[in-house]
Amino acid sequence: MSERNFARVFVQETQLTPHEFIERARLDAARQLLEGGDAPLKVVAWESGFGIADRMRAVFAKQLGVTPLQYRERFRRKPAIER
């Protein structure tokens, strides 16, 4: 299958371009890392596939309307209370 045909079929099946799908997958991975840990933004960006924090910030602003740090502040999981 050619690259063009793949992209066409992908859009038909998912209603997303391959680029949009990958960007959303990276965003989901970054959100998980931000919610569950304290890693620096450059580490989160690298581990989630964005490469650099500036790219991750741009995608967060475009898709969610917040910065990664604002997202972390709002959605960080609280540690379970030990009994």
C-alpha atoms as a PDB file:
ATOM      1  CA  MET A   1       0.000   0.000   0.000  1.00  0.00           C
ATOM      2  CA  SER A   2       1.372   3.396  -0.912  1.00  0.00           C
ATOM      3  CA  GLU A   3       1.806   6.129   1.680  1.00  0.00           C
ATOM      4  CA  ARG A   4      -0.918   8.233   0.034  1.00  0.00           C
ATOM      5  CA  ASN A   5      -3.353   5.353  -0.080  1.00  0.00           C
ATOM      6  CA  PHE A   6      -2.604   4.475   3.537  1.00  0.00           C
ATOM      7  CA  ALA A   7      -3.327   8.067   4.593  1.00  0.00           C
ATOM      8  CA  ARG A   8      -6.582   8.085   2.618  1.00  0.00           C
ATOM      9  CA  VAL A   9      -7.785   4.788   4.119  1.00  0.00           C
ATOM     10  CA  PHE A  10      -6.660   5.850   7.600  1.00  0.00           C
ATOM     11  CA  VAL A  11      -8.770   9.013   7.400  1.00  0.00           C
ATOM     12  CA  GLN A  12     -11.775   7.036   6.142  1.00  0.00           C
ATOM     13  CA  GLU A  13     -11.539   4.587   9.035  1.00  0.00           C
ATOM     14  CA  THR A  14     -10.577   6.903  11.904  1.00  0.00           C
ATOM     15  CA  GLN A  15     -11.748  10.368  10.825  1.00  0.00           C
ATOM     16  CA  LEU A  16      -8.204  11.545  11.686  1.00  0.00           C
ATOM     17  CA  THR A  17      -5.087  12.049   9.624  1.00  0.00           C
ATOM     18  CA  PRO A  18      -2.093   9.930  10.656  1.00  0.00           C
ATOM     19  CA  HIS A  19      -0.454  13.118  11.961  1.00  0.00           C
ATOM     20  CA  GLU A  20      -3.489  13.984  14.114  1.00  0.00           C
ATOM     21  CA  PHE A  21      -3.599  10.428  15.466  1.00  0.00           C
ATOM     22  CA  ILE A  22       0.073  10.502  16.455  1.00  0.00           C
ATOM     23  CA  GLU A  23      -0.266  13.952  18.015  1.00  0.00           C
ATOM     24  CA  ARG A  24      -3.215  12.766  20.123  1.00  0.00           C
ATOM     25  CA  ALA A  25      -1.327   9.640  21.195  1.00  0.00           C
ATOM     26  CA  ARG A  26       1.627  11.785  22.273  1.00  0.00           C
ATOM     27  CA  LEU A  27      -0.701  14.158  24.090  1.00  0.00           C
ATOM     28  CA  ASP A  28      -2.327  11.256  25.950  1.00  0.00           C
ATOM     29  CA  ALA A  29       1.094   9.891  26.937  1.00  0.00           C
ATOM     30  CA  ALA A  30       2.227  13.313  28.169  1.00  0.00           C
ATOM     31  CA  ARG A  31      -0.990  13.786  30.140  1.00  0.00           C
ATOM     32  CA  GLN A  32      -0.452  10.439  31.897  1.00  0.00           C
ATOM     33  CA  LEU A  33       3.136  11.389  32.793  1.00  0.00           C
ATOM     34  CA  LEU A  34       2.080  14.824  34.053  1.00  0.00           C
ATOM     35  CA  GLU A  35      -0.763  13.419  36.138  1.00  0.00           C
ATOM     36  CA  GLY A  36       1.309  10.695  37.748  1.00  0.00           C
ATOM     37  CA  GLY A  37       4.749  12.129  38.310  1.00  0.00           C
ATOM     38  CA  ASP A  38       7.092  15.008  38.900  1.00  0.00           C
ATOM     39  CA  ALA A  39       9.436  14.599  35.931  1.00  0.00           C
ATOM     40  CA  PRO A  40      10.670  17.851  34.383  1.00  0.00           C
ATOM     41  CA  LEU A  41       8.830  18.995  31.254  1.00  0.00           C
ATOM     42  CA  LYS A  42      11.784  18.215  28.993  1.00  0.00           C
ATOM     43  CA  VAL A  43      11.740  14.609  30.240  1.00  0.00           C
ATOM     44  CA  VAL A  44       7.966  14.344  29.774  1.00  0.00           C
ATOM     45  CA  ALA A  45       8.286  15.787  26.256  1.00  0.00           C
ATOM     46  CA  TRP A  46      11.012  13.303  25.332  1.00  0.00           C
ATOM     47  CA  GLU A  47       9.296  10.264  26.846  1.00  0.00           C
ATOM     48  CA  SER A  48       5.956  11.055  25.228  1.00  0.00           C
ATOM     49  CA  GLY A  49       7.454  11.518  21.766  1.00  0.00           C
ATOM     50  CA  PHE A  50       7.336  15.295  21.382  1.00  0.00           C
ATOM     51  CA  GLY A  51      11.105  15.553  21.530  1.00  0.00           C
ATOM     52  CA  ILE A  52      11.253  19.036  23.014  1.00  0.00           C
ATOM     53  CA  ALA A  53       9.179  20.870  25.615  1.00  0.00           C
ATOM     54  CA  ASP A  54       8.387  23.779  23.262  1.00  0.00           C
ATOM     55  CA  ARG A  55       6.612  21.437  20.837  1.00  0.00           C
ATOM     56  CA  MET A  56       4.697  19.844  23.696  1.00  0.00           C
ATOM     57  CA  ARG A  57       3.666  23.289  25.007  1.00  0.00           C
ATOM     58  CA  ALA A  58       2.374  24.269  21.555  1.00  0.00           C
ATOM     59  CA  VAL A  59       0.260  21.115  21.255  1.00  0.00           C
ATOM     60  CA  PHE A  60      -1.128  21.511  24.782  1.00  0.00           C
ATOM     61  CA  ALA A  61      -2.075  25.128  24.013  1.00  0.00           C
ATOM     62  CA  LYS A  62      -3.711  24.164  20.706  1.00  0.00           C
ATOM     63  CA  GLN A  63      -5.564  21.058  21.918  1.00  0.00           C
ATOM     64  CA  LEU A  64      -6.310  21.806  25.585  1.00  0.00           C
ATOM     65  CA  GLY A  65      -5.925  25.570  25.976  1.00  0.00           C
ATOM     66  CA  VAL A  66      -3.495  25.213  28.899  1.00  0.00           C
ATOM     67  CA  THR A  67       0.239  24.795  29.379  1.00  0.00           C
ATOM     68  CA  PRO A  68       1.652  21.454  30.515  1.00  0.00           C
ATOM     69  CA  LEU A  69       2.400  22.945  33.945  1.00  0.00           C
ATOM     70  CA  GLN A  70      -1.166  24.233  34.301  1.00  0.00           C
ATOM     71  CA  TYR A  71      -2.408  20.791  33.318  1.00  0.00           C
ATOM     72  CA  ARG A  72      -0.178  19.146  35.927  1.00  0.00           C
ATOM     73  CA  GLU A  73      -1.401  21.529  38.640  1.00  0.00           C
ATOM     74  CA  ARG A  74      -5.051  20.774  37.863  1.00  0.00           C
ATOM     75  CA  PHE A  75      -4.894  17.034  37.309  1.00  0.00           C
ATOM     76  CA  ARG A  76      -1.994  15.635  39.325  1.00  0.00           C
ATOM     77  CA  ARG A  77      -3.044  12.476  41.126  1.00  0.00           C
ATOM     78  CA  LYS A  78      -2.906  12.782  44.862  1.00  0.00           C
ATOM     79  CA  PRO A  79      -0.927  10.046  46.617  1.00  0.00           C
ATOM     80  CA  ALA A  80      -3.029   7.539  48.530  1.00  0.00           C
ATOM     81  CA  ILE A  81      -3.218   8.258  52.246  1.00  0.00           C
ATOM     82  CA  GLU A  82      -1.347   5.655  54.223  1.00  0.00           C
ATOM     83  CA  ARG A  83      -3.128   4.136  57.187  1.00  0.00           C
END
